[in-house]
Amino acid sequence: HVTVSGAVRSEADNAPAGAVLHGRDLQALRGVMLDDPLRAVQALPAATSTDDFYSEFAVRGNSFRYVGLAIDGIPSPYLIHSIHAVTDGGSIAMVNSEALGSASLLPGSYPQRIGRRLGAQIDLTTRDGNRDAFHGRAGVSGTSANFIGEGPLGSGRGAWIVSARRSYLDFLLERIDPDGSFGFGFSDALAKVTVDVTPRNQLQVLTVIGRSVFDEEPEDLGPNDEAFATSRAWLSAATWRFTPTSQLSMSQRVYLTGMDYHNVSK
């Protein structure tokens, strides 16, 4: 018996100069100190990192403000940990790299389906949970701890995956320098459920939430400097996928996303 299998061509394969990272490549390039899939994308051609402390980067000379960010085909411009109006802070994506199946970069000449950005587009694709048995693992990086669990649904017609992260950089800085005045922390979580309603109909529900906190109280704070700031962002989406034949698939998505922040000056 000879078994031949293949993968559906992604949008990155069709777009000129498009590139995609899968599995081990995504894990290897995400960063040692920070688990950030956007830092892995920075290693692709046409991308140029502008600051080691920020996830944002330039593509073909265009700043990140012109780059579109999508998760599972859903516009997600808010899902980045950052503090507004703080210029010397940092940023990191609100998605655990282990919950992703691929990360694509489309530098240009791609179909403008979402956002209609002038620059490139980044597509992060979450993976389905394991359909065979439950798997759970925990890990630590230089700045955060994470947990990911996945497994099949009870009926055997679907799967689920859950991940959560919590930074401990603020606790480390407090231990190292108890009299220090700087503190930045973040936490986020992702949950996805995939259900095969029928052999041709599939339902996916995705939720991503994140929170960032910045706390700095030096004695020389100016009247307009931020002493305490918080930022929250979220995404909830439902996707219905209909596959009448092996060569045709149609998807319908409904989503809700947003963010809010609160800054307190001296």
Protein backbone atom coordinates (compact mmCIF):
# COMPACT_ATOMS: atom_id res chain seq x y z
CA HIS A 1 0.00 0.00 0.00
CA VAL A 2 1.22 3.49 -0.87
CA THR A 3 -0.24 6.39 1.09
CA VAL A 4 0.18 9.91 -0.27
CA SER A 5 -0.82 12.88 1.86
CA GLY A 6 -0.48 16.62 1.43
CA ALA A 7 -1.40 19.91 3.00
CA VAL A 8 -3.70 22.62 1.74
CA ARG A 9 -1.71 25.53 0.33
CA SER A 10 -1.74 28.48 2.68
CA GLU A 11 -2.16 32.09 1.65
CA ALA A 12 1.54 32.63 2.33
CA ASP A 13 2.40 30.04 -0.33
CA ASN A 14 0.42 31.96 -2.94
CA ALA A 15 1.51 35.50 -2.01
CA PRO A 16 4.77 36.80 -3.55
CA ALA A 17 7.64 36.59 -1.00
CA GLY A 18 5.27 35.12 1.58
CA ALA A 19 6.81 32.99 4.32
CA VAL A 20 5.38 30.72 7.00
CA LEU A 21 6.79 29.15 10.17
CA HIS A 22 5.53 25.81 11.49
CA GLY A 23 6.07 23.72 14.61
CA ARG A 24 9.71 23.49 15.64
CA ASP A 25 10.78 26.55 13.63
CA LEU A 26 8.21 28.65 15.44
CA GLN A 27 9.30 27.27 18.82
CA ALA A 28 13.01 27.78 18.10
CA LEU A 29 12.70 31.41 16.99
CA ARG A 30 10.14 32.66 19.51
CA GLY A 31 12.83 33.81 21.99
CA VAL A 32 14.45 32.40 25.10
CA MET A 33 13.61 35.20 27.51
CA LEU A 34 10.16 35.90 26.10
CA ASP A 35 7.70 33.44 24.53
CA ASP A 36 6.63 35.71 21.67
CA PRO A 37 5.55 34.42 18.24
CA LEU A 38 6.00 37.89 16.75
CA ARG A 39 9.71 37.72 17.56
CA ALA A 40 9.87 34.53 15.52
CA VAL A 41 8.26 36.35 12.58
CA GLN A 42 11.01 38.99 12.86
CA ALA A 43 13.47 36.37 11.56
CA LEU A 44 11.64 36.07 8.22
CA PRO A 45 12.80 37.89 5.09
CA ALA A 46 11.55 41.48 4.63
CA ALA A 47 11.09 41.94 8.40
CA THR A 48 13.38 44.26 10.36
CA SER A 49 13.38 44.47 14.16
CA THR A 50 13.44 48.05 15.43
CA ASP A 51 13.82 47.47 19.19
CA ASP A 52 14.80 44.43 21.26
CA PHE A 53 12.16 45.26 23.87
CA TYR A 54 9.23 45.51 21.46
CA SER A 55 7.38 42.90 19.40
CA GLU A 56 6.65 45.48 16.73
CA PHE A 57 8.85 45.52 13.65
CA ALA A 58 9.05 47.08 10.21
CA VAL A 59 8.34 45.28 6.94
CA ARG A 60 9.85 46.66 3.73
CA GLY A 61 10.31 50.04 5.39
CA ASN A 62 6.73 50.29 6.68
CA SER A 63 6.32 50.69 10.43
CA PHE A 64 4.17 48.29 12.45
CA ARG A 65 1.24 50.71 12.46
CA TYR A 66 0.69 49.81 8.79
CA VAL A 67 1.00 46.05 9.37
CA GLY A 68 -2.15 43.99 9.87
CA LEU A 69 -2.30 41.32 12.59
CA ALA A 70 -4.81 38.46 12.37
CA ILE A 71 -5.50 35.32 14.39
CA ASP A 72 -7.36 32.54 12.58
CA GLY A 73 -8.32 35.04 9.89
CA ILE A 74 -9.76 37.53 12.42
CA PRO A 75 -8.36 41.09 12.70
CA SER A 76 -6.58 41.27 16.07
CA PRO A 77 -4.77 44.62 16.37
CA TYR A 78 -5.24 44.83 20.16
CA LEU A 79 -3.79 41.47 21.25
CA ILE A 80 -0.37 42.81 22.21
CA HIS A 81 0.77 43.46 25.78
CA SER A 82 1.83 47.11 25.93
CA ILE A 83 1.35 50.22 28.01
CA HIS A 84 -0.09 53.24 26.27
CA ALA A 85 1.78 56.55 26.44
CA VAL A 86 4.87 54.84 27.94
CA THR A 87 7.70 55.23 25.43
CA ASP A 88 10.41 53.29 27.29
CA GLY A 89 8.38 50.17 28.06
CA GLY A 90 8.02 47.08 25.88
CA SER A 91 5.51 44.79 24.21
CA ILE A 92 4.77 41.10 23.67
CA ALA A 93 2.03 39.20 21.85
CA MET A 94 -0.85 37.85 23.97
CA VAL A 95 -0.61 34.37 22.46
CA ASN A 96 1.41 31.41 23.70
CA SER A 97 3.55 30.06 20.85
CA GLU A 98 2.76 26.46 21.84
CA ALA A 99 -0.93 27.08 21.06
CA LEU A 100 -0.12 28.06 17.48
CA GLY A 101 0.11 25.82 14.45
CA SER A 102 1.78 28.37 12.16
CA ALA A 103 2.75 32.01 11.76
CA SER A 104 2.75 33.63 8.31
CA LEU A 105 4.12 36.90 6.97
CA LEU A 106 2.67 38.37 3.77
CA PRO A 107 4.92 41.32 2.81
CA GLY A 108 2.74 42.55 -0.04
CA SER A 109 0.50 41.78 -3.03
CA TYR A 110 -1.88 39.66 -0.98
CA PRO A 111 -5.72 39.66 -1.00
CA GLN A 112 -7.01 42.49 1.19
CA ARG A 113 -9.71 40.55 3.04
CA ILE A 114 -9.33 42.09 6.50
CA GLY A 115 -8.36 45.54 7.71
CA ARG A 116 -7.20 46.88 4.33
CA ARG A 117 -3.76 47.78 5.66
CA LEU A 118 -1.17 49.59 3.54
CA GLY A 119 1.65 47.33 4.70
CA ALA A 120 2.21 43.65 5.28
CA GLN A 121 -0.04 41.16 7.09
CA ILE A 122 0.77 38.69 9.87
CA ASP A 123 -1.44 35.61 10.18
CA LEU A 124 -1.28 33.55 13.36
CA THR A 125 -3.13 30.22 13.16
CA THR A 126 -4.10 28.42 16.35
CA ARG A 127 -4.03 24.65 16.34
CA ASP A 128 -6.73 22.22 17.43
CA GLY A 129 -6.30 20.20 20.58
CA ASN A 130 -5.11 16.60 20.64
CA ARG A 131 -7.94 14.24 19.67
CA ASP A 132 -6.30 11.07 21.01
CA ALA A 133 -5.71 11.70 24.72
CA PHE A 134 -5.19 14.41 27.28
CA HIS A 135 -1.81 16.14 27.28
CA GLY A 136 -0.68 18.82 29.70
CA ARG A 137 2.65 20.49 30.25
CA ALA A 138 4.07 23.47 32.09
CA GLY A 139 7.19 25.50 31.38
CA VAL A 140 9.15 28.53 32.44
CA SER A 141 11.15 31.08 30.50
CA GLY A 142 13.36 33.90 31.64
CA THR A 143 10.39 36.12 32.45
CA SER A 144 7.19 34.05 32.62
CA ALA A 145 5.60 30.71 33.46
CA ASN A 146 3.07 28.98 31.21
CA PHE A 147 0.73 26.01 31.15
CA ILE A 148 -1.00 24.34 28.22
CA GLY A 149 -3.53 21.52 28.27
CA GLU A 150 -5.35 19.79 25.44
CA GLY A 151 -7.45 16.73 24.79
CA PRO A 152 -10.48 15.24 23.03
CA LEU A 153 -14.08 16.01 23.83
CA GLY A 154 -16.12 13.33 25.53
CA SER A 155 -18.04 12.43 22.38
CA GLY A 156 -14.86 11.94 20.37
CA ARG A 157 -16.04 14.41 17.74
CA GLY A 158 -13.89 17.33 18.71
CA ALA A 159 -11.03 18.63 20.82
CA TRP A 160 -10.12 21.48 23.14
CA ILE A 161 -6.95 23.38 24.01
CA VAL A 162 -6.27 25.85 26.85
CA SER A 163 -3.13 27.86 27.58
CA ALA A 164 -2.25 30.44 30.24
CA ARG A 165 0.80 32.58 31.02
CA ARG A 166 1.86 34.75 33.94
CA SER A 167 5.01 36.86 34.02
CA TYR A 168 7.14 36.98 37.13
CA LEU A 169 9.54 39.69 35.96
CA ASP A 170 8.07 42.16 38.45
CA PHE A 171 8.62 39.69 41.32
CA LEU A 172 12.22 39.09 40.24
CA LEU A 173 12.97 42.78 40.10
CA GLU A 174 11.47 43.26 43.54
CA ARG A 175 13.68 40.45 44.94
CA ILE A 176 16.80 41.75 43.25
CA ASP A 177 16.21 45.39 44.12
CA PRO A 178 13.63 45.83 46.92
CA ASP A 179 14.03 49.60 46.73
CA GLY A 180 13.51 49.66 42.97
CA SER A 181 10.69 51.61 41.47
CA PHE A 182 10.08 49.78 38.20
CA GLY A 183 7.53 47.02 37.71
CA PHE A 184 5.92 45.52 34.61
CA GLY A 185 3.82 42.37 34.54
CA PHE A 186 1.40 40.63 32.22
CA SER A 187 -0.95 37.66 32.12
CA ASP A 188 -2.98 36.12 29.31
CA ALA A 189 -5.06 33.06 28.46
CA LEU A 190 -6.33 31.31 25.34
CA ALA A 191 -9.07 28.72 24.97
CA LYS A 192 -10.29 26.99 21.81
CA VAL A 193 -12.94 24.32 21.30
CA THR A 194 -13.45 22.48 18.00
CA VAL A 195 -16.60 20.42 17.43
CA ASP A 196 -17.41 18.29 14.39
CA VAL A 197 -21.16 18.83 14.25
CA THR A 198 -21.43 16.64 11.15
CA PRO A 199 -18.81 15.17 8.83
CA ARG A 200 -19.11 18.32 6.70
CA ASN A 201 -19.82 20.97 9.33
CA GLN A 202 -17.41 22.11 12.02
CA LEU A 203 -17.79 24.72 14.78
CA GLN A 204 -14.83 26.47 16.41
CA VAL A 205 -14.99 28.81 19.41
CA LEU A 206 -11.92 30.88 20.34
CA THR A 207 -11.30 33.22 23.28
CA VAL A 208 -8.15 35.24 24.02
CA ILE A 209 -7.76 37.65 26.95
CA GLY A 210 -4.78 39.54 28.37
CA ARG A 211 -3.83 42.14 30.97
CA SER A 212 -0.72 44.29 31.38
CA VAL A 213 0.36 46.34 34.41
CA PHE A 214 3.03 49.03 34.64
CA ASP A 215 4.03 50.43 38.04
CA GLU A 216 6.73 53.03 38.50
CA GLU A 217 7.00 55.55 41.30
CA PRO A 218 10.42 57.24 41.29
CA GLU A 219 10.85 60.41 43.27
CA ASP A 220 11.58 62.47 40.16
CA LEU A 221 8.33 61.67 38.35
CA GLY A 222 7.10 64.63 36.37
CA PRO A 223 3.51 65.90 36.54
CA ASN A 224 2.62 64.11 33.27
CA ASP A 225 4.59 60.89 33.78
CA GLU A 226 2.71 57.63 34.26
CA ALA A 227 3.05 56.22 37.78
CA PHE A 228 0.58 53.34 37.31
CA ALA A 229 -1.01 52.03 34.13
CA THR A 230 -3.10 49.02 33.14
CA SER A 231 -4.16 47.69 29.74
CA ARG A 232 -6.69 44.96 28.90
CA ALA A 233 -7.58 43.35 25.57
CA TRP A 234 -9.83 40.51 24.49
CA LEU A 235 -11.07 38.53 21.50
CA SER A 236 -14.04 36.16 21.30
CA ALA A 237 -14.88 34.45 18.03
CA ALA A 238 -17.04 31.68 16.61
CA THR A 239 -16.32 30.07 13.22
CA TRP A 240 -18.61 27.80 11.21
CA ARG A 241 -16.83 25.80 8.51
CA PHE A 242 -18.69 23.92 5.78
CA THR A 243 -16.76 21.47 3.58
CA PRO A 244 -19.08 20.02 0.91
CA THR A 245 -16.20 18.43 -1.06
CA SER A 246 -12.51 17.77 -0.58
CA GLN A 247 -11.72 20.75 -2.83
CA LEU A 248 -14.19 23.32 -1.47
CA SER A 249 -14.50 24.86 1.99
CA MET A 250 -16.52 27.84 3.19
CA SER A 251 -16.17 29.64 6.54
CA GLN A 252 -18.32 32.18 8.34
CA ARG A 253 -16.90 34.07 11.35
CA VAL A 254 -18.49 36.19 14.04
CA TYR A 255 -16.19 37.91 16.53
CA LEU A 256 -15.96 40.57 19.21
CA THR A 257 -12.68 42.28 20.10
CA GLY A 258 -11.61 45.37 21.98
CA MET A 259 -9.29 46.91 24.53
CA ASP A 260 -9.26 49.47 27.32
CA TYR A 261 -6.52 51.10 29.34
CA HIS A 262 -6.20 53.27 32.41
CA ASN A 263 -3.20 55.49 33.20
CA VAL A 264 -2.60 57.33 36.45
CA SER A 265 -0.08 60.16 36.64
CA LYS A 266 1.74 61.36 39.72
